[in-house]
Amino acid sequence: MQAYYPERLVKLYILHMPRFFVSVWRMVSRFLEKATLEKVVIVTNEEEQKDFVKEVGEEVLPEEYGGQAKFVALQDVTLPPLDYESLEME
């Protein structure tokens, strides 16, 4: 299967995981390859949170995850109207 579907995951961080997910994860992880399991990081404590922020980058991480980026939901983005006159070819 790996020959036809090469793995593209670099790293997966799971944050704010509910407690019931631990048992689900234990069952699912049995079916994953070791290389994939090594790429999954479940952030559960302060030290792991600091490593997460350091690796991803504080400047691109939203504030709610410990970064400095201002998150704007896609549905809240407003764009100025398109100026058709500036698009006309001269």
PDB file of N, CA and C in Angstrom:
ATOM      1  N   MET A   1       0.816  -1.190   0.000  1.00  0.00           N
ATOM      2  CA  MET A   1       0.000   0.000   0.000  1.00  0.00           C
ATOM      3  C   MET A   1       0.863   1.259   0.000  1.00  0.00           C
ATOM      4  N   GLN A   2       1.987   1.228   0.702  1.00  0.00           N
ATOM      5  CA  GLN A   2       2.872   2.389   0.783  1.00  0.00           C
ATOM      6  C   GLN A   2       3.402   2.782  -0.593  1.00  0.00           C
ATOM      7  N   ALA A   3       3.593   1.819  -1.479  1.00  0.00           N
ATOM      8  CA  ALA A   3       4.107   2.115  -2.815  1.00  0.00           C
ATOM      9  C   ALA A   3       3.105   2.915  -3.629  1.00  0.00           C
ATOM     10  N   TYR A   4       1.823   2.678  -3.414  1.00  0.00           N
ATOM     11  CA  TYR A   4       0.791   3.370  -4.181  1.00  0.00           C
ATOM     12  C   TYR A   4       0.323   4.659  -3.515  1.00  0.00           C
ATOM     13  N   TYR A   5       0.385   4.694  -2.202  1.00  0.00           N
ATOM     14  CA  TYR A   5      -0.049   5.870  -1.461  1.00  0.00           C
ATOM     15  C   TYR A   5       1.066   6.296  -0.513  1.00  0.00           C
ATOM     16  N   PRO A   6       2.051   7.010  -1.017  1.00  0.00           N
ATOM     17  CA  PRO A   6       3.174   7.411  -0.142  1.00  0.00           C
ATOM     18  C   PRO A   6       2.691   8.336   0.977  1.00  0.00           C
ATOM     19  N   GLU A   7       3.290   8.190   2.113  1.00  0.00           N
ATOM     20  CA  GLU A   7       2.907   8.975   3.275  1.00  0.00           C
ATOM     21  C   GLU A   7       3.380  10.410   3.129  1.00  0.00           C
ATOM     22  N   ARG A   8       2.509  11.348   3.431  1.00  0.00           N
ATOM     23  CA  ARG A   8       2.842  12.772   3.298  1.00  0.00           C
ATOM     24  C   ARG A   8       2.812  13.507   4.628  1.00  0.00           C
ATOM     25  N   LEU A   9       2.467  12.814   5.664  1.00  0.00           N
ATOM     26  CA  LEU A   9       2.382  13.425   6.978  1.00  0.00           C
ATOM     27  C   LEU A   9       3.779  13.678   7.535  1.00  0.00           C
ATOM     28  N   VAL A  10       4.035  14.913   7.928  1.00  0.00           N
ATOM     29  CA  VAL A  10       5.311  15.243   8.557  1.00  0.00           C
ATOM     30  C   VAL A  10       5.177  15.090  10.067  1.00  0.00           C
ATOM     31  N   LYS A  11       4.151  15.719  10.618  1.00  0.00           N
ATOM     32  CA  LYS A  11       3.917  15.629  12.055  1.00  0.00           C
ATOM     33  C   LYS A  11       2.456  15.996  12.313  1.00  0.00           C
ATOM     34  N   LEU A  12       1.852  15.338  13.274  1.00  0.00           N
ATOM     35  CA  LEU A  12       0.471  15.598  13.651  1.00  0.00           C
ATOM     36  C   LEU A  12       0.427  15.872  15.141  1.00  0.00           C
ATOM     37  N   TYR A  13      -0.068  17.057  15.491  1.00  0.00           N
ATOM     38  CA  TYR A  13      -0.232  17.414  16.890  1.00  0.00           C
ATOM     39  C   TYR A  13      -1.713  17.337  17.234  1.00  0.00           C
ATOM     40  N   ILE A  14      -2.026  16.679  18.332  1.00  0.00           N
ATOM     41  CA  ILE A  14      -3.398  16.599  18.810  1.00  0.00           C
ATOM     42  C   ILE A  14      -3.465  17.388  20.111  1.00  0.00           C
ATOM     43  N   LEU A  15      -4.269  18.457  20.099  1.00  0.00           N
ATOM     44  CA  LEU A  15      -4.393  19.352  21.248  1.00  0.00           C
ATOM     45  C   LEU A  15      -5.783  19.245  21.858  1.00  0.00           C
ATOM     46  N   HIS A  16      -5.881  19.500  23.130  1.00  0.00           N
ATOM     47  CA  HIS A  16      -7.157  19.543  23.845  1.00  0.00           C
ATOM     48  C   HIS A  16      -7.986  18.289  23.573  1.00  0.00           C
ATOM     49  N   MET A  17      -7.365  17.152  23.727  1.00  0.00           N
ATOM     50  CA  MET A  17      -7.991  15.874  23.450  1.00  0.00           C
ATOM     51  C   MET A  17      -8.905  15.479  24.611  1.00  0.00           C
ATOM     52  N   PRO A  18     -10.154  15.079  24.301  1.00  0.00           N
ATOM     53  CA  PRO A  18     -11.033  14.600  25.371  1.00  0.00           C
ATOM     54  C   PRO A  18     -10.507  13.286  25.962  1.00  0.00           C
ATOM     55  N   ARG A  19     -10.839  13.005  27.189  1.00  0.00           N
ATOM     56  CA  ARG A  19     -10.325  11.821  27.882  1.00  0.00           C
ATOM     57  C   ARG A  19     -10.731  10.512  27.202  1.00  0.00           C
ATOM     58  N   PHE A  20     -11.933  10.451  26.663  1.00  0.00           N
ATOM     59  CA  PHE A  20     -12.378   9.206  26.033  1.00  0.00           C
ATOM     60  C   PHE A  20     -11.562   8.864  24.788  1.00  0.00           C
ATOM     61  N   PHE A  21     -10.903   9.866  24.222  1.00  0.00           N
ATOM     62  CA  PHE A  21     -10.123   9.637  23.016  1.00  0.00           C
ATOM     63  C   PHE A  21      -8.918   8.737  23.275  1.00  0.00           C
ATOM     64  N   VAL A  22      -8.436   8.702  24.490  1.00  0.00           N
ATOM     65  CA  VAL A  22      -7.272   7.877  24.825  1.00  0.00           C
ATOM     66  C   VAL A  22      -7.552   6.416  24.515  1.00  0.00           C
ATOM     67  N   SER A  23      -8.711   5.920  24.924  1.00  0.00           N
ATOM     68  CA  SER A  23      -9.034   4.521  24.648  1.00  0.00           C
ATOM     69  C   SER A  23      -9.248   4.287  23.155  1.00  0.00           C
ATOM     70  N   VAL A  24      -9.857   5.241  22.491  1.00  0.00           N
ATOM     71  CA  VAL A  24     -10.048   5.130  21.036  1.00  0.00           C
ATOM     72  C   VAL A  24      -8.689   5.134  20.335  1.00  0.00           C
ATOM     73  N   TRP A  25      -7.805   6.010  20.779  1.00  0.00           N
ATOM     74  CA  TRP A  25      -6.481   6.108  20.166  1.00  0.00           C
ATOM     75  C   TRP A  25      -5.697   4.807  20.341  1.00  0.00           C
ATOM     76  N   ARG A  26      -5.812   4.191  21.506  1.00  0.00           N
ATOM     77  CA  ARG A  26      -5.105   2.925  21.746  1.00  0.00           C
ATOM     78  C   ARG A  26      -5.554   1.848  20.768  1.00  0.00           C
ATOM     79  N   MET A  27      -6.838   1.829  20.451  1.00  0.00           N
ATOM     80  CA  MET A  27      -7.346   0.834  19.495  1.00  0.00           C
ATOM     81  C   MET A  27      -6.892   1.163  18.071  1.00  0.00           C
ATOM     82  N   VAL A  28      -6.982   2.423  17.686  1.00  0.00           N
ATOM     83  CA  VAL A  28      -6.621   2.837  16.325  1.00  0.00           C
ATOM     84  C   VAL A  28      -5.125   2.707  16.096  1.00  0.00           C
ATOM     85  N   SER A  29      -4.331   3.046  17.090  1.00  0.00           N
ATOM     86  CA  SER A  29      -2.875   3.048  16.916  1.00  0.00           C
ATOM     87  C   SER A  29      -2.304   1.666  16.626  1.00  0.00           C
ATOM     88  N   ARG A  30      -3.011   0.624  16.990  1.00  0.00           N
ATOM     89  CA  ARG A  30      -2.541  -0.733  16.715  1.00  0.00           C
ATOM     90  C   ARG A  30      -2.469  -1.022  15.214  1.00  0.00           C
ATOM     91  N   PHE A  31      -3.280  -0.308  14.451  1.00  0.00           N
ATOM     92  CA  PHE A  31      -3.355  -0.559  13.008  1.00  0.00           C
ATOM     93  C   PHE A  31      -2.444   0.358  12.200  1.00  0.00           C
ATOM     94  N   LEU A  32      -1.767   1.274  12.849  1.00  0.00           N
ATOM     95  CA  LEU A  32      -0.883   2.214  12.156  1.00  0.00           C
ATOM     96  C   LEU A  32       0.555   1.703  12.155  1.00  0.00           C
ATOM     97  N   GLU A  33       1.271   2.092  11.135  1.00  0.00           N
ATOM     98  CA  GLU A  33       2.687   1.716  11.054  1.00  0.00           C
ATOM     99  C   GLU A  33       3.492   2.495  12.090  1.00  0.00           C
ATOM    100  N   LYS A  34       4.614   1.936  12.469  1.00  0.00           N
ATOM    101  CA  LYS A  34       5.474   2.563  13.477  1.00  0.00           C
ATOM    102  C   LYS A  34       5.931   3.951  13.024  1.00  0.00           C
ATOM    103  N   ALA A  35       6.249   4.087  11.742  1.00  0.00           N
ATOM    104  CA  ALA A  35       6.702   5.379  11.210  1.00  0.00           C
ATOM    105  C   ALA A  35       5.616   6.442  11.366  1.00  0.00           C
ATOM    106  N   THR A  36       4.375   6.044  11.184  1.00  0.00           N
ATOM    107  CA  THR A  36       3.260   6.982  11.341  1.00  0.00           C
ATOM    108  C   THR A  36       3.048   7.325  12.808  1.00  0.00           C
ATOM    109  N   LEU A  37       3.115   6.341  13.677  1.00  0.00           N
ATOM    110  CA  LEU A  37       2.931   6.582  15.109  1.00  0.00           C
ATOM    111  C   LEU A  37       3.969   7.549  15.666  1.00  0.00           C
ATOM    112  N   GLU A  38       5.176   7.490  15.153  1.00  0.00           N
ATOM    113  CA  GLU A  38       6.233   8.388  15.634  1.00  0.00           C
ATOM    114  C   GLU A  38       5.980   9.836  15.249  1.00  0.00           C
ATOM    115  N   LYS A  39       5.127  10.058  14.274  1.00  0.00           N
ATOM    116  CA  LYS A  39       4.816  11.418  13.816  1.00  0.00           C
ATOM    117  C   LYS A  39       3.647  12.036  14.568  1.00  0.00           C
ATOM    118  N   VAL A  40       2.944  11.249  15.350  1.00  0.00           N
ATOM    119  CA  VAL A  40       1.786  11.734  16.096  1.00  0.00           C
ATOM    120  C   VAL A  40       2.223  12.141  17.497  1.00  0.00           C
ATOM    121  N   VAL A  41       1.908  13.385  17.861  1.00  0.00           N
ATOM    122  CA  VAL A  41       2.246  13.905  19.187  1.00  0.00           C
ATOM    123  C   VAL A  41       0.956  14.360  19.849  1.00  0.00           C
ATOM    124  N   ILE A  42       0.651  13.777  20.976  1.00  0.00           N
ATOM    125  CA  ILE A  42      -0.526  14.181  21.745  1.00  0.00           C
ATOM    126  C   ILE A  42      -0.041  15.127  22.842  1.00  0.00           C
ATOM    127  N   VAL A  43      -0.437  16.375  22.743  1.00  0.00           N
ATOM    128  CA  VAL A  43       0.017  17.410  23.675  1.00  0.00           C
ATOM    129  C   VAL A  43      -0.870  17.367  24.910  1.00  0.00           C
ATOM    130  N   THR A  44      -0.271  16.994  26.045  1.00  0.00           N
ATOM    131  CA  THR A  44      -1.049  16.846  27.277  1.00  0.00           C
ATOM    132  C   THR A  44      -0.515  17.672  28.448  1.00  0.00           C
ATOM    133  N   ASN A  45       0.714  18.186  28.355  1.00  0.00           N
ATOM    134  CA  ASN A  45       1.256  18.940  29.490  1.00  0.00           C
ATOM    135  C   ASN A  45       1.973  20.191  29.008  1.00  0.00           C
ATOM    136  N   GLU A  46       2.458  20.978  29.946  1.00  0.00           N
ATOM    137  CA  GLU A  46       3.107  22.261  29.641  1.00  0.00           C
ATOM    138  C   GLU A  46       4.373  22.089  28.803  1.00  0.00           C
ATOM    139  N   GLU A  47       5.169  21.083  29.119  1.00  0.00           N
ATOM    140  CA  GLU A  47       6.425  20.862  28.386  1.00  0.00           C
ATOM    141  C   GLU A  47       6.142  20.522  26.917  1.00  0.00           C
ATOM    142  N   GLU A  48       5.164  19.659  26.683  1.00  0.00           N
ATOM    143  CA  GLU A  48       4.789  19.316  25.308  1.00  0.00           C
ATOM    144  C   GLU A  48       4.201  20.524  24.590  1.00  0.00           C
ATOM    145  N   GLN A  49       3.462  21.369  25.315  1.00  0.00           N
ATOM    146  CA  GLN A  49       2.895  22.593  24.736  1.00  0.00           C
ATOM    147  C   GLN A  49       4.019  23.540  24.298  1.00  0.00           C
ATOM    148  N   LYS A  50       5.056  23.681  25.113  1.00  0.00           N
ATOM    149  CA  LYS A  50       6.187  24.548  24.761  1.00  0.00           C
ATOM    150  C   LYS A  50       6.913  24.007  23.527  1.00  0.00           C
ATOM    151  N   ASP A  51       7.097  22.689  23.465  1.00  0.00           N
ATOM    152  CA  ASP A  51       7.739  22.081  22.296  1.00  0.00           C
ATOM    153  C   ASP A  51       6.903  22.296  21.038  1.00  0.00           C
ATOM    154  N   PHE A  52       5.593  22.180  21.182  1.00  0.00           N
ATOM    155  CA  PHE A  52       4.669  22.393  20.067  1.00  0.00           C
ATOM    156  C   PHE A  52       4.787  23.814  19.532  1.00  0.00           C
ATOM    157  N   VAL A  53       4.742  24.805  20.419  1.00  0.00           N
ATOM    158  CA  VAL A  53       4.840  26.212  20.017  1.00  0.00           C
ATOM    159  C   VAL A  53       6.191  26.481  19.378  1.00  0.00           C
ATOM    160  N   LYS A  54       7.241  25.917  19.931  1.00  0.00           N
ATOM    161  CA  LYS A  54       8.589  26.130  19.398  1.00  0.00           C
ATOM    162  C   LYS A  54       8.731  25.532  17.999  1.00  0.00           C
ATOM    163  N   GLU A  55       8.200  24.329  17.793  1.00  0.00           N
ATOM    164  CA  GLU A  55       8.360  23.658  16.503  1.00  0.00           C
ATOM    165  C   GLU A  55       7.497  24.280  15.405  1.00  0.00           C
ATOM    166  N   VAL A  56       6.259  24.632  15.733  1.00  0.00           N
ATOM    167  CA  VAL A  56       5.361  25.203  14.728  1.00  0.00           C
ATOM    168  C   VAL A  56       5.725  26.659  14.456  1.00  0.00           C
ATOM    169  N   GLY A  57       6.024  27.392  15.495  1.00  0.00           N
ATOM    170  CA  GLY A  57       6.377  28.806  15.348  1.00  0.00           C
ATOM    171  C   GLY A  57       5.340  29.687  16.005  1.00  0.00           C
ATOM    172  N   GLU A  58       5.779  30.464  16.948  1.00  0.00           N
ATOM    173  CA  GLU A  58       4.880  31.314  17.728  1.00  0.00           C
ATOM    174  C   GLU A  58       4.192  32.369  16.861  1.00  0.00           C
ATOM    175  N   GLU A  59       4.866  32.819  15.817  1.00  0.00           N
ATOM    176  CA  GLU A  59       4.319  33.892  14.985  1.00  0.00           C
ATOM    177  C   GLU A  59       3.177  33.433  14.074  1.00  0.00           C
ATOM    178  N   VAL A  60       3.060  32.145  13.797  1.00  0.00           N
ATOM    179  CA  VAL A  60       1.993  31.655  12.919  1.00  0.00           C
ATOM    180  C   VAL A  60       0.890  30.923  13.672  1.00  0.00           C
ATOM    181  N   LEU A  61       1.100  30.670  14.937  1.00  0.00           N
ATOM    182  CA  LEU A  61       0.126  29.950  15.743  1.00  0.00           C
ATOM    183  C   LEU A  61      -0.887  30.924  16.325  1.00  0.00           C
ATOM    184  N   PRO A  62      -2.190  30.619  16.231  1.00  0.00           N
ATOM    185  CA  PRO A  62      -3.197  31.498  16.845  1.00  0.00           C
ATOM    186  C   PRO A  62      -2.994  31.613  18.353  1.00  0.00           C
ATOM    187  N   GLU A  63      -3.449  32.730  18.914  1.00  0.00           N
ATOM    188  CA  GLU A  63      -3.276  32.992  20.345  1.00  0.00           C
ATOM    189  C   GLU A  63      -3.876  31.894  21.220  1.00  0.00           C
ATOM    190  N   GLU A  64      -4.994  31.317  20.796  1.00  0.00           N
ATOM    191  CA  GLU A  64      -5.648  30.294  21.615  1.00  0.00           C
ATOM    192  C   GLU A  64      -4.803  29.034  21.771  1.00  0.00           C
ATOM    193  N   TYR A  65      -3.786  28.870  20.923  1.00  0.00           N
ATOM    194  CA  TYR A  65      -2.888  27.713  21.016  1.00  0.00           C
ATOM    195  C   TYR A  65      -1.510  28.104  21.516  1.00  0.00           C
ATOM    196  N   GLY A  66      -1.361  29.325  22.021  1.00  0.00           N
ATOM    197  CA  GLY A  66      -0.109  29.750  22.613  1.00  0.00           C
ATOM    198  C   GLY A  66       0.774  30.577  21.697  1.00  0.00           C
ATOM    199  N   GLY A  67       0.257  30.964  20.548  1.00  0.00           N
ATOM    200  CA  GLY A  67       1.041  31.759  19.608  1.00  0.00           C
ATOM    201  C   GLY A  67       0.699  33.231  19.662  1.00  0.00           C
ATOM    202  N   GLN A  68       1.130  33.954  18.638  1.00  0.00           N
ATOM    203  CA  GLN A  68       0.912  35.397  18.581  1.00  0.00           C
ATOM    204  C   GLN A  68       0.040  35.823  17.396  1.00  0.00           C
ATOM    205  N   ALA A  69      -0.324  34.899  16.521  1.00  0.00           N
ATOM    206  CA  ALA A  69      -1.090  35.242  15.324  1.00  0.00           C
ATOM    207  C   ALA A  69      -2.533  35.575  15.686  1.00  0.00           C
ATOM    208  N   LYS A  70      -3.063  36.565  15.003  1.00  0.00           N
ATOM    209  CA  LYS A  70      -4.463  36.943  15.168  1.00  0.00           C
ATOM    210  C   LYS A  70      -5.283  36.099  14.213  1.00  0.00           C
ATOM    211  N   PHE A  71      -6.129  35.251  14.760  1.00  0.00           N
ATOM    212  CA  PHE A  71      -6.945  34.351  13.963  1.00  0.00           C
ATOM    213  C   PHE A  71      -8.221  35.058  13.541  1.00  0.00           C
ATOM    214  N   VAL A  72      -8.523  34.999  12.246  1.00  0.00           N
ATOM    215  CA  VAL A  72      -9.768  35.531  11.715  1.00  0.00           C
ATOM    216  C   VAL A  72     -10.464  34.393  10.989  1.00  0.00           C
ATOM    217  N   ALA A  73     -11.658  34.047  11.452  1.00  0.00           N
ATOM    218  CA  ALA A  73     -12.403  32.967  10.819  1.00  0.00           C
ATOM    219  C   ALA A  73     -12.715  33.333   9.377  1.00  0.00           C
ATOM    220  N   LEU A  74     -12.673  32.366   8.507  1.00  0.00           N
ATOM    221  CA  LEU A  74     -12.883  32.596   7.087  1.00  0.00           C
ATOM    222  C   LEU A  74     -14.198  33.309   6.816  1.00  0.00           C
ATOM    223  N   GLN A  75     -15.248  32.956   7.526  1.00  0.00           N
ATOM    224  CA  GLN A  75     -16.533  33.587   7.293  1.00  0.00           C
ATOM    225  C   GLN A  75     -16.568  35.038   7.760  1.00  0.00           C
ATOM    226  N   ASP A  76     -15.585  35.463   8.563  1.00  0.00           N
ATOM    227  CA  ASP A  76     -15.535  36.841   9.048  1.00  0.00           C
ATOM    228  C   ASP A  76     -14.635  37.747   8.216  1.00  0.00           C
ATOM    229  N   VAL A  77     -14.001  37.205   7.198  1.00  0.00           N
ATOM    230  CA  VAL A  77     -13.113  37.997   6.351  1.00  0.00           C
ATOM    231  C   VAL A  77     -13.940  38.852   5.409  1.00  0.00           C
ATOM    232  N   THR A  78     -13.589  40.124   5.324  1.00  0.00           N
ATOM    233  CA  THR A  78     -14.252  41.012   4.367  1.00  0.00           C
ATOM    234  C   THR A  78     -13.209  41.551   3.407  1.00  0.00           C
ATOM    235  N   LEU A  79     -13.547  41.544   2.146  1.00  0.00           N
ATOM    236  CA  LEU A  79     -12.652  42.043   1.110  1.00  0.00           C
ATOM    237  C   LEU A  79     -13.229  43.313   0.525  1.00  0.00           C
ATOM    238  N   PRO A  80     -12.368  44.253   0.154  1.00  0.00           N
ATOM    239  CA  PRO A  80     -12.881  45.474  -0.468  1.00  0.00           C
ATOM    240  C   PRO A  80     -13.450  45.141  -1.846  1.00  0.00           C
ATOM    241  N   PRO A  81     -14.411  45.955  -2.321  1.00  0.00           N
ATOM    242  CA  PRO A  81     -14.967  45.686  -3.648  1.00  0.00           C
ATOM    243  C   PRO A  81     -13.896  45.790  -4.726  1.00  0.00           C
ATOM    244  N   LEU A  82     -14.071  45.025  -5.766  1.00  0.00           N
ATOM    245  CA  LEU A  82     -13.118  44.997  -6.860  1.00  0.00           C
ATOM    246  C   LEU A  82     -13.229  46.266  -7.696  1.00  0.00           C
ATOM    247  N   ASP A  83     -12.112  46.896  -7.970  1.00  0.00           N
ATOM    248  CA  ASP A  83     -12.082  48.102  -8.779  1.00  0.00           C
ATOM    249  C   ASP A  83     -11.915  47.708 -10.243  1.00  0.00           C
ATOM    250  N   TYR A  84     -13.032  47.671 -10.960  1.00  0.00           N
ATOM    251  CA  TYR A  84     -13.005  47.207 -12.346  1.00  0.00           C
ATOM    252  C   TYR A  84     -12.238  48.167 -13.267  1.00  0.00           C
ATOM    253  N   GLU A  85     -12.239  49.459 -12.927  1.00  0.00           N
ATOM    254  CA  GLU A  85     -11.544  50.431 -13.778  1.00  0.00           C
ATOM    255  C   GLU A  85     -10.046  50.187 -13.816  1.00  0.00           C
ATOM    256  N   SER A  86      -9.481  49.745 -12.690  1.00  0.00           N
ATOM    257  CA  SER A  86      -8.043  49.505 -12.661  1.00  0.00           C
ATOM    258  C   SER A  86      -7.679  48.218 -13.407  1.00  0.00           C
ATOM    259  N   LEU A  87      -8.668  47.374 -13.673  1.00  0.00           N
ATOM    260  CA  LEU A  87      -8.420  46.124 -14.372  1.00  0.00           C
ATOM    261  C   LEU A  87      -8.513  46.261 -15.891  1.00  0.00           C
ATOM    262  N   GLU A  88      -9.118  47.327 -16.365  1.00  0.00           N
ATOM    263  CA  GLU A  88      -9.282  47.506 -17.807  1.00  0.00           C
ATOM    264  C   GLU A  88      -7.930  47.659 -18.474  1.00  0.00           C
ATOM    265  N   MET A  89      -7.822  47.050 -19.636  1.00  0.00           N
ATOM    266  CA  MET A  89      -6.567  47.133 -20.385  1.00  0.00           C
ATOM    267  C   MET A  89      -6.510  48.468 -21.114  1.00  0.00           C
ATOM    268  N   GLU A  90      -5.382  49.068 -21.116  1.00  0.00           N
ATOM    269  CA  GLU A  90      -5.220  50.369 -21.768  1.00  0.00           C
ATOM    270  C   GLU A  90      -4.665  50.203 -23.155  1.00  0.00           C
TER     271      GLU A  90
END
